[in-house]
Amino acid sequence: ESTSIRETSAGLLHALVAGGHGKNVMLISRSGGIRPSLELLKDQNPGTREDATGLLSILATNADNRAVIAKMGAIPLLINVVNDTDNVAPAARKHAATALGNLA
């Protein structure tokens, strides 16, 4: 799987939920989009991680998604993003912190 495909996928999913598109939030989560989003947090491409954290921060605004996201192991991955000041863009760190707040 190429870096550009992962980055494009993360960007498109993030765009689908940005701006409060609640229908898309549910469609992505019901279609199994949470687990791949978590995998994208481990990607070395900064743009991919930025979009993945943005996507997860929005998915975590939904009560049904919060338990699923946490159960799938998102909290340690998000903490890693927040703490990585050397390799992670500030926007990704902000999205990750927002996601953690939404999961709380």
Protein backbone atom coordinates (compact mmCIF):
# COMPACT_ATOMS: atom_id res chain seq x y z
CA GLU A 1 0.00 0.00 0.00
CA SER A 2 1.57 3.25 -1.06
CA THR A 3 2.05 6.28 1.12
CA SER A 4 0.03 8.45 -1.25
CA ILE A 5 -2.95 6.09 -1.11
CA ARG A 6 -2.93 6.10 2.69
CA GLU A 7 -2.57 9.88 2.83
CA THR A 8 -5.34 10.41 0.27
CA SER A 9 -7.63 7.98 2.07
CA ALA A 10 -7.08 9.66 5.42
CA GLY A 11 -7.65 13.07 3.87
CA LEU A 12 -10.86 12.06 2.15
CA LEU A 13 -12.30 10.43 5.26
CA HIS A 14 -11.39 13.47 7.33
CA ALA A 15 -13.06 15.75 4.75
CA LEU A 16 -16.22 13.63 4.85
CA VAL A 17 -16.71 14.25 8.57
CA ALA A 18 -15.30 17.77 8.89
CA GLY A 19 -17.90 20.44 9.38
CA GLY A 20 -20.28 18.35 11.42
CA HIS A 21 -21.51 15.85 8.87
CA GLY A 22 -23.10 13.52 11.43
CA LYS A 23 -24.44 11.15 8.79
CA ASN A 24 -20.93 10.56 7.50
CA VAL A 25 -19.61 10.00 11.03
CA MET A 26 -22.05 7.13 11.44
CA LEU A 27 -21.45 5.76 7.93
CA ILE A 28 -17.69 5.64 8.47
CA SER A 29 -17.95 3.97 11.86
CA ARG A 30 -20.63 1.48 10.77
CA SER A 31 -18.59 0.61 7.69
CA GLY A 32 -15.59 -0.42 9.76
CA GLY A 33 -13.61 2.80 9.33
CA ILE A 34 -12.41 3.12 12.91
CA ARG A 35 -9.79 0.36 12.88
CA PRO A 36 -8.09 1.53 9.66
CA SER A 37 -8.07 5.07 11.05
CA LEU A 38 -6.20 3.82 14.10
CA GLU A 39 -3.68 2.06 11.88
CA LEU A 40 -3.07 5.35 10.06
CA LEU A 41 -1.93 6.89 13.36
CA LYS A 42 1.18 4.72 13.05
CA ASP A 43 1.98 5.96 9.54
CA GLN A 44 5.29 7.78 9.09
CA ASN A 45 3.77 10.36 6.75
CA PRO A 46 2.90 13.52 8.72
CA GLY A 47 -0.07 14.37 6.49
CA THR A 48 -1.57 10.94 6.94
CA ARG A 49 -1.29 11.17 10.72
CA GLU A 50 -2.74 14.68 10.72
CA ASP A 51 -5.83 13.58 8.83
CA ALA A 52 -6.17 10.37 10.84
CA THR A 53 -6.08 12.25 14.13
CA GLY A 54 -8.54 14.81 12.79
CA LEU A 55 -10.87 12.04 11.68
CA LEU A 56 -10.67 10.27 15.03
CA SER A 57 -11.26 13.48 16.95
CA ILE A 58 -14.53 13.91 15.07
CA LEU A 59 -15.54 10.24 15.23
CA ALA A 60 -15.02 10.42 19.00
CA THR A 61 -17.70 13.10 19.32
CA ASN A 62 -20.28 10.35 18.83
CA ALA A 63 -21.19 8.49 22.03
CA ASP A 64 -21.48 5.13 20.26
CA ASN A 65 -18.03 5.51 18.74
CA ARG A 66 -16.22 6.51 21.94
CA ALA A 67 -16.32 3.06 23.53
CA VAL A 68 -15.36 1.36 20.27
CA ILE A 69 -12.43 3.71 19.66
CA ALA A 70 -11.12 3.27 23.21
CA LYS A 71 -11.60 -0.52 23.13
CA MET A 72 -9.60 -0.75 19.90
CA GLY A 73 -6.57 0.76 21.63
CA ALA A 74 -6.72 4.37 20.48
CA ILE A 75 -5.74 6.00 23.76
CA PRO A 76 -2.06 4.91 23.81
CA LEU A 77 -1.72 5.68 20.09
CA LEU A 78 -3.17 9.17 20.56
CA ILE A 79 -0.94 9.80 23.57
CA ASN A 80 2.08 8.84 21.45
CA VAL A 81 1.05 11.39 18.81
CA VAL A 82 0.60 14.13 21.42
CA ASN A 83 4.00 13.41 22.97
CA ASP A 84 5.97 13.16 19.69
CA THR A 85 7.18 16.74 19.26
CA ASP A 86 9.95 15.72 16.84
CA ASN A 87 8.05 13.82 14.14
CA VAL A 88 4.44 14.96 14.38
CA ALA A 89 2.98 18.21 13.07
CA PRO A 90 1.43 20.55 15.63
CA ALA A 91 -1.99 20.19 13.98
CA ALA A 92 -1.87 16.40 14.37
CA ARG A 93 -0.89 16.79 18.01
CA LYS A 94 -3.81 19.18 18.52
CA HIS A 95 -6.26 16.77 16.84
CA ALA A 96 -4.93 13.91 18.97
CA ALA A 97 -5.40 15.94 22.15
CA THR A 98 -8.93 16.82 21.04
CA ALA A 99 -9.67 13.16 20.38
CA LEU A 100 -8.42 12.25 23.85
CA GLY A 101 -10.65 14.95 25.33
CA ASN A 102 -13.63 13.63 23.40
CA LEU A 103 -12.90 10.11 24.66
CA ALA A 104 -12.75 11.27 28.29
